[in-house]
Structures are given as C-alpha cells and as structure tokens.
Amino acid sequence: MARVLNWNGKDLPDELRSLPAGQYVVEPVAEVPPELTPEEEKGLREAIAEIEAGKGESPEEVRRHIDAVLRR
C-alpha cells in the first residue's frame, strides 16, 4: 500500500501517523516526470493514431508483447 505524504522536514506528517507500527521504506517522489525521447513521443503518437483508426492491438496482444520484452 503506497502513500504519498507531504513533509515540511520537521513535523511528523498525518500520513505517517495513520500507519501501523512496522518497518517502512520512504523514497522521495520525483517532482518532474522524466521527459520522453523523441522516438518515444513519436511511437506514442503513432499508437494513439492507430487506436483512433481502429487498428490498435488487443489488450492480450499488448500484454504478450510486454511480457516478451520483460523476459529479455
């Protein structure tokens, strides 16, 4: 269960007070999402255009492709 908390660097945030006792890993959330490369941007625009034209892949095909890439 992930929780985003806002901390002023001094006071204990309410988001932490509501958690049960235990060990937790706290990581900062990136303020600015990473920018897409020109190739990624182009690929997303092409994919959106295909979906809008009714030529997109099914969710099952997409999942198979993602699974294949992650196995590399």
PDB file of N, CA and C in Angstrom:
ATOM      1  N   MET A   1       0.849  -1.159   0.000  1.00  0.00           N
ATOM      2  CA  MET A   1       0.000   0.000   0.000  1.00  0.00           C
ATOM      3  C   MET A   1       0.904   1.233   0.000  1.00  0.00           C
ATOM      4  N   ALA A   2       0.901   1.943  -1.101  1.00  0.00           N
ATOM      5  CA  ALA A   2       1.717   3.148  -1.202  1.00  0.00           C
ATOM      6  C   ALA A   2       0.933   4.350  -0.697  1.00  0.00           C
ATOM      7  N   ARG A   3       1.623   5.248  -0.051  1.00  0.00           N
ATOM      8  CA  ARG A   3       1.025   6.506   0.410  1.00  0.00           C
ATOM      9  C   ARG A   3       1.964   7.634   0.054  1.00  0.00           C
ATOM     10  N   VAL A   4       1.389   8.705  -0.400  1.00  0.00           N
ATOM     11  CA  VAL A   4       2.186   9.899  -0.679  1.00  0.00           C
ATOM     12  C   VAL A   4       2.000  10.838   0.492  1.00  0.00           C
ATOM     13  N   LEU A   5       3.088  11.329   1.020  1.00  0.00           N
ATOM     14  CA  LEU A   5       2.994  12.254   2.140  1.00  0.00           C
ATOM     15  C   LEU A   5       3.731  13.532   1.819  1.00  0.00           C
ATOM     16  N   ASN A   6       3.275  14.594   2.397  1.00  0.00           N
ATOM     17  CA  ASN A   6       3.926  15.894   2.263  1.00  0.00           C
ATOM     18  C   ASN A   6       4.591  16.203   3.600  1.00  0.00           C
ATOM     19  N   TRP A   7       5.880  16.455   3.561  1.00  0.00           N
ATOM     20  CA  TRP A   7       6.628  16.654   4.794  1.00  0.00           C
ATOM     21  C   TRP A   7       7.367  17.971   4.737  1.00  0.00           C
ATOM     22  N   ASN A   8       7.269  18.745   5.796  1.00  0.00           N
ATOM     23  CA  ASN A   8       7.965  20.032   5.859  1.00  0.00           C
ATOM     24  C   ASN A   8       9.399  19.871   6.382  1.00  0.00           C
ATOM     25  N   GLY A   9       9.815  18.643   6.614  1.00  0.00           N
ATOM     26  CA  GLY A   9      11.168  18.386   7.091  1.00  0.00           C
ATOM     27  C   GLY A   9      11.316  18.475   8.587  1.00  0.00           C
ATOM     28  N   LYS A  10      10.221  18.729   9.293  1.00  0.00           N
ATOM     29  CA  LYS A  10      10.302  18.927  10.733  1.00  0.00           C
ATOM     30  C   LYS A  10       9.214  18.138  11.471  1.00  0.00           C
ATOM     31  N   ASP A  11       7.966  18.429  11.192  1.00  0.00           N
ATOM     32  CA  ASP A  11       6.852  17.801  11.900  1.00  0.00           C
ATOM     33  C   ASP A  11       6.484  16.454  11.288  1.00  0.00           C
ATOM     34  N   LEU A  12       5.969  15.545  12.117  1.00  0.00           N
ATOM     35  CA  LEU A  12       5.552  14.235  11.638  1.00  0.00           C
ATOM     36  C   LEU A  12       4.236  14.374  10.862  1.00  0.00           C
ATOM     37  N   PRO A  13       4.212  13.955   9.596  1.00  0.00           N
ATOM     38  CA  PRO A  13       3.001  14.111   8.796  1.00  0.00           C
ATOM     39  C   PRO A  13       1.892  13.158   9.227  1.00  0.00           C
ATOM     40  N   ASP A  14       0.649  13.578   9.041  1.00  0.00           N
ATOM     41  CA  ASP A  14      -0.510  12.754   9.385  1.00  0.00           C
ATOM     42  C   ASP A  14      -0.505  11.431   8.634  1.00  0.00           C
ATOM     43  N   GLU A  15       0.017  11.425   7.397  1.00  0.00           N
ATOM     44  CA  GLU A  15       0.052  10.195   6.605  1.00  0.00           C
ATOM     45  C   GLU A  15       0.862   9.109   7.314  1.00  0.00           C
ATOM     46  N   LEU A  16       1.885   9.493   8.071  1.00  0.00           N
ATOM     47  CA  LEU A  16       2.673   8.508   8.825  1.00  0.00           C
ATOM     48  C   LEU A  16       1.979   8.114  10.121  1.00  0.00           C
ATOM     49  N   ARG A  17       1.308   9.029  10.742  1.00  0.00           N
ATOM     50  CA  ARG A  17       0.622   8.733  11.996  1.00  0.00           C
ATOM     51  C   ARG A  17      -0.432   7.646  11.826  1.00  0.00           C
ATOM     52  N   SER A  18      -1.041   7.561  10.632  1.00  0.00           N
ATOM     53  CA  SER A  18      -2.112   6.604  10.405  1.00  0.00           C
ATOM     54  C   SER A  18      -1.611   5.195  10.082  1.00  0.00           C
ATOM     55  N   LEU A  19      -0.295   5.028   9.887  1.00  0.00           N
ATOM     56  CA  LEU A  19       0.252   3.710   9.570  1.00  0.00           C
ATOM     57  C   LEU A  19       0.480   2.894  10.834  1.00  0.00           C
ATOM     58  N   PRO A  20       0.295   1.564  10.736  1.00  0.00           N
ATOM     59  CA  PRO A  20       0.598   0.723  11.889  1.00  0.00           C
ATOM     60  C   PRO A  20       2.104   0.662  12.132  1.00  0.00           C
ATOM     61  N   ALA A  21       2.488   0.289  13.337  1.00  0.00           N
ATOM     62  CA  ALA A  21       3.910   0.156  13.658  1.00  0.00           C
ATOM     63  C   ALA A  21       4.543  -0.859  12.720  1.00  0.00           C
ATOM     64  N   GLY A  22       5.784  -0.650  12.375  1.00  0.00           N
ATOM     65  CA  GLY A  22       6.490  -1.571  11.487  1.00  0.00           C
ATOM     66  C   GLY A  22       7.626  -0.867  10.786  1.00  0.00           C
ATOM     67  N   GLN A  23       8.253  -1.574   9.856  1.00  0.00           N
ATOM     68  CA  GLN A  23       9.356  -1.010   9.095  1.00  0.00           C
ATOM     69  C   GLN A  23       8.831  -0.532   7.747  1.00  0.00           C
ATOM     70  N   TYR A  24       9.287   0.631   7.326  1.00  0.00           N
ATOM     71  CA  TYR A  24       8.840   1.216   6.071  1.00  0.00           C
ATOM     72  C   TYR A  24      10.027   1.757   5.300  1.00  0.00           C
ATOM     73  N   VAL A  25       9.900   1.775   3.992  1.00  0.00           N
ATOM     74  CA  VAL A  25      10.884   2.398   3.116  1.00  0.00           C
ATOM     75  C   VAL A  25      10.266   3.695   2.623  1.00  0.00           C
ATOM     76  N   VAL A  26      10.976   4.782   2.784  1.00  0.00           N
ATOM     77  CA  VAL A  26      10.479   6.084   2.353  1.00  0.00           C
ATOM     78  C   VAL A  26      11.385   6.588   1.238  1.00  0.00           C
ATOM     79  N   GLU A  27      10.779   6.938   0.097  1.00  0.00           N
ATOM     80  CA  GLU A  27      11.531   7.451  -1.038  1.00  0.00           C
ATOM     81  C   GLU A  27      10.885   8.749  -1.516  1.00  0.00           C
ATOM     82  N   PRO A  28      11.677   9.701  -1.967  1.00  0.00           N
ATOM     83  CA  PRO A  28      11.086  10.935  -2.487  1.00  0.00           C
ATOM     84  C   PRO A  28      10.381  10.661  -3.819  1.00  0.00           C
ATOM     85  N   VAL A  29       9.300  11.366  -4.038  1.00  0.00           N
ATOM     86  CA  VAL A  29       8.587  11.290  -5.308  1.00  0.00           C
ATOM     87  C   VAL A  29       9.194  12.340  -6.227  1.00  0.00           C
ATOM     88  N   ALA A  30       9.492  11.940  -7.445  1.00  0.00           N
ATOM     89  CA  ALA A  30      10.073  12.886  -8.399  1.00  0.00           C
ATOM     90  C   ALA A  30       9.091  14.013  -8.657  1.00  0.00           C
ATOM     91  N   GLU A  31       9.552  15.226  -8.561  1.00  0.00           N
ATOM     92  CA  GLU A  31       8.709  16.395  -8.796  1.00  0.00           C
ATOM     93  C   GLU A  31       8.340  16.514 -10.270  1.00  0.00           C
ATOM     94  N   VAL A  32       9.294  16.257 -11.144  1.00  0.00           N
ATOM     95  CA  VAL A  32       9.073  16.405 -12.577  1.00  0.00           C
ATOM     96  C   VAL A  32       9.244  15.032 -13.217  1.00  0.00           C
ATOM     97  N   PRO A  33       8.215  14.547 -13.908  1.00  0.00           N
ATOM     98  CA  PRO A  33       8.377  13.247 -14.557  1.00  0.00           C
ATOM     99  C   PRO A  33       9.437  13.325 -15.650  1.00  0.00           C
ATOM    100  N   PRO A  34      10.125  12.215 -15.898  1.00  0.00           N
ATOM    101  CA  PRO A  34      11.152  12.249 -16.931  1.00  0.00           C
ATOM    102  C   PRO A  34      10.523  12.520 -18.300  1.00  0.00           C
ATOM    103  N   GLU A  35      11.256  13.248 -19.140  1.00  0.00           N
ATOM    104  CA  GLU A  35      10.755  13.570 -20.471  1.00  0.00           C
ATOM    105  C   GLU A  35      10.917  12.369 -21.389  1.00  0.00           C
ATOM    106  N   LEU A  36       9.994  12.249 -22.336  1.00  0.00           N
ATOM    107  CA  LEU A  36      10.090  11.191 -23.330  1.00  0.00           C
ATOM    108  C   LEU A  36      11.143  11.560 -24.359  1.00  0.00           C
ATOM    109  N   THR A  37      11.785  10.529 -24.900  1.00  0.00           N
ATOM    110  CA  THR A  37      12.703  10.776 -26.007  1.00  0.00           C
ATOM    111  C   THR A  37      11.856  11.088 -27.242  1.00  0.00           C
ATOM    112  N   PRO A  38      12.443  11.701 -28.253  1.00  0.00           N
ATOM    113  CA  PRO A  38      11.684  11.950 -29.488  1.00  0.00           C
ATOM    114  C   PRO A  38      11.107  10.658 -30.081  1.00  0.00           C
ATOM    115  N   GLU A  39      11.843   9.563 -29.978  1.00  0.00           N
ATOM    116  CA  GLU A  39      11.371   8.285 -30.503  1.00  0.00           C
ATOM    117  C   GLU A  39      10.167   7.781 -29.708  1.00  0.00           C
ATOM    118  N   GLU A  40      10.203   7.930 -28.382  1.00  0.00           N
ATOM    119  CA  GLU A  40       9.076   7.517 -27.545  1.00  0.00           C
ATOM    120  C   GLU A  40       7.839   8.362 -27.839  1.00  0.00           C
ATOM    121  N   GLU A  41       8.048   9.663 -27.979  1.00  0.00           N
ATOM    122  CA  GLU A  41       6.945  10.573 -28.300  1.00  0.00           C
ATOM    123  C   GLU A  41       6.303  10.186 -29.630  1.00  0.00           C
ATOM    124  N   LYS A  42       7.140   9.947 -30.638  1.00  0.00           N
ATOM    125  CA  LYS A  42       6.645   9.562 -31.961  1.00  0.00           C
ATOM    126  C   LYS A  42       5.886   8.239 -31.878  1.00  0.00           C
ATOM    127  N   GLY A  43       6.436   7.281 -31.157  1.00  0.00           N
ATOM    128  CA  GLY A  43       5.783   5.975 -31.019  1.00  0.00           C
ATOM    129  C   GLY A  43       4.423   6.086 -30.354  1.00  0.00           C
ATOM    130  N   LEU A  44       4.316   6.912 -29.323  1.00  0.00           N
ATOM    131  CA  LEU A  44       3.030   7.095 -28.653  1.00  0.00           C
ATOM    132  C   LEU A  44       2.017   7.775 -29.572  1.00  0.00           C
ATOM    133  N   ARG A  45       2.462   8.780 -30.303  1.00  0.00           N
ATOM    134  CA  ARG A  45       1.547   9.462 -31.235  1.00  0.00           C
ATOM    135  C   ARG A  45       1.053   8.498 -32.319  1.00  0.00           C
ATOM    136  N   GLU A  46       1.954   7.661 -32.832  1.00  0.00           N
ATOM    137  CA  GLU A  46       1.557   6.678 -33.846  1.00  0.00           C
ATOM    138  C   GLU A  46       0.583   5.657 -33.260  1.00  0.00           C
ATOM    139  N   ALA A  47       0.844   5.213 -32.042  1.00  0.00           N
ATOM    140  CA  ALA A  47      -0.042   4.239 -31.398  1.00  0.00           C
ATOM    141  C   ALA A  47      -1.426   4.827 -31.165  1.00  0.00           C
ATOM    142  N   ILE A  48      -1.482   6.068 -30.714  1.00  0.00           N
ATOM    143  CA  ILE A  48      -2.772   6.738 -30.487  1.00  0.00           C
ATOM    144  C   ILE A  48      -3.534   6.855 -31.804  1.00  0.00           C
ATOM    145  N   ALA A  49      -2.836   7.221 -32.872  1.00  0.00           N
ATOM    146  CA  ALA A  49      -3.482   7.357 -34.180  1.00  0.00           C
ATOM    147  C   ALA A  49      -4.036   6.012 -34.649  1.00  0.00           C
ATOM    148  N   GLU A  50      -3.297   4.922 -34.426  1.00  0.00           N
ATOM    149  CA  GLU A  50      -3.773   3.593 -34.813  1.00  0.00           C
ATOM    150  C   GLU A  50      -4.995   3.183 -34.003  1.00  0.00           C
ATOM    151  N   ILE A  51      -4.965   3.452 -32.720  1.00  0.00           N
ATOM    152  CA  ILE A  51      -6.113   3.112 -31.870  1.00  0.00           C
ATOM    153  C   ILE A  51      -7.339   3.895 -32.318  1.00  0.00           C
ATOM    154  N   GLU A  52      -7.159   5.178 -32.572  1.00  0.00           N
ATOM    155  CA  GLU A  52      -8.281   6.015 -33.015  1.00  0.00           C
ATOM    156  C   GLU A  52      -8.817   5.554 -34.362  1.00  0.00           C
ATOM    157  N   ALA A  53      -7.973   4.959 -35.203  1.00  0.00           N
ATOM    158  CA  ALA A  53      -8.390   4.457 -36.509  1.00  0.00           C
ATOM    159  C   ALA A  53      -8.931   3.028 -36.423  1.00  0.00           C
ATOM    160  N   GLY A  54      -8.984   2.473 -35.204  1.00  0.00           N
ATOM    161  CA  GLY A  54      -9.491   1.111 -35.032  1.00  0.00           C
ATOM    162  C   GLY A  54      -8.492   0.039 -35.390  1.00  0.00           C
ATOM    163  N   LYS A  55      -7.221   0.380 -35.469  1.00  0.00           N
ATOM    164  CA  LYS A  55      -6.180  -0.575 -35.869  1.00  0.00           C
ATOM    165  C   LYS A  55      -5.291  -1.000 -34.707  1.00  0.00           C
ATOM    166  N   GLY A  56      -5.666  -0.676 -33.506  1.00  0.00           N
ATOM    167  CA  GLY A  56      -4.821  -0.990 -32.355  1.00  0.00           C
ATOM    168  C   GLY A  56      -4.816  -2.463 -32.019  1.00  0.00           C
ATOM    169  N   GLU A  57      -3.849  -2.869 -31.242  1.00  0.00           N
ATOM    170  CA  GLU A  57      -3.759  -4.254 -30.786  1.00  0.00           C
ATOM    171  C   GLU A  57      -4.696  -4.475 -29.608  1.00  0.00           C
ATOM    172  N   SER A  58      -5.092  -5.720 -29.429  1.00  0.00           N
ATOM    173  CA  SER A  58      -5.951  -6.061 -28.305  1.00  0.00           C
ATOM    174  C   SER A  58      -5.128  -5.998 -27.011  1.00  0.00           C
ATOM    175  N   PRO A  59      -5.790  -5.859 -25.875  1.00  0.00           N
ATOM    176  CA  PRO A  59      -5.052  -5.864 -24.602  1.00  0.00           C
ATOM    177  C   PRO A  59      -4.225  -7.137 -24.423  1.00  0.00           C
ATOM    178  N   GLU A  60      -4.724  -8.261 -24.902  1.00  0.00           N
ATOM    179  CA  GLU A  60      -3.985  -9.530 -24.778  1.00  0.00           C
ATOM    180  C   GLU A  60      -2.694  -9.481 -25.593  1.00  0.00           C
ATOM    181  N   GLU A  61      -2.766  -8.909 -26.810  1.00  0.00           N
ATOM    182  CA  GLU A  61      -1.569  -8.789 -27.640  1.00  0.00           C
ATOM    183  C   GLU A  61      -0.548  -7.855 -26.997  1.00  0.00           C
ATOM    184  N   VAL A  62      -1.031  -6.776 -26.442  1.00  0.00           N
ATOM    185  CA  VAL A  62      -0.139  -5.836 -25.766  1.00  0.00           C
ATOM    186  C   VAL A  62       0.528  -6.508 -24.586  1.00  0.00           C
ATOM    187  N   ARG A  63      -0.227  -7.255 -23.777  1.00  0.00           N
ATOM    188  CA  ARG A  63       0.327  -7.948 -22.610  1.00  0.00           C
ATOM    189  C   ARG A  63       1.379  -8.958 -23.046  1.00  0.00           C
ATOM    190  N   ARG A  64       1.128  -9.714 -24.121  1.00  0.00           N
ATOM    191  CA  ARG A  64       2.115 -10.687 -24.620  1.00  0.00           C
ATOM    192  C   ARG A  64       3.396  -9.979 -25.031  1.00  0.00           C
ATOM    193  N   HIS A  65       3.261  -8.836 -25.692  1.00  0.00           N
ATOM    194  CA  HIS A  65       4.442  -8.079 -26.124  1.00  0.00           C
ATOM    195  C   HIS A  65       5.236  -7.571 -24.916  1.00  0.00           C
ATOM    196  N   ILE A  66       4.542  -7.014 -23.941  1.00  0.00           N
ATOM    197  CA  ILE A  66       5.216  -6.506 -22.736  1.00  0.00           C
ATOM    198  C   ILE A  66       5.918  -7.637 -22.002  1.00  0.00           C
ATOM    199  N   ASP A  67       5.227  -8.765 -21.850  1.00  0.00           N
ATOM    200  CA  ASP A  67       5.837  -9.922 -21.175  1.00  0.00           C
ATOM    201  C   ASP A  67       7.088 -10.393 -21.902  1.00  0.00           C
ATOM    202  N   ALA A  68       7.042 -10.395 -23.236  1.00  0.00           N
ATOM    203  CA  ALA A  68       8.206 -10.825 -24.024  1.00  0.00           C
ATOM    204  C   ALA A  68       9.375  -9.871 -23.825  1.00  0.00           C
ATOM    205  N   VAL A  69       9.097  -8.562 -23.809  1.00  0.00           N
ATOM    206  CA  VAL A  69      10.161  -7.572 -23.625  1.00  0.00           C
ATOM    207  C   VAL A  69      10.775  -7.706 -22.231  1.00  0.00           C
ATOM    208  N   LEU A  70       9.955  -7.916 -21.225  1.00  0.00           N
ATOM    209  CA  LEU A  70      10.461  -8.001 -19.856  1.00  0.00           C
ATOM    210  C   LEU A  70      11.291  -9.252 -19.613  1.00  0.00           C
ATOM    211  N   ARG A  71      11.110 -10.274 -20.410  1.00  0.00           N
ATOM    212  CA  ARG A  71      11.883 -11.517 -20.257  1.00  0.00           C
ATOM    213  C   ARG A  71      13.294 -11.412 -20.826  1.00  0.00           C
ATOM    214  N   ARG A  72      13.563 -10.376 -21.619  1.00  0.00           N
ATOM    215  CA  ARG A  72      14.885 -10.231 -22.259  1.00  0.00           C
ATOM    216  C   ARG A  72      15.969 -10.041 -21.269  1.00  0.00           C
TER     217      ARG A  72
END
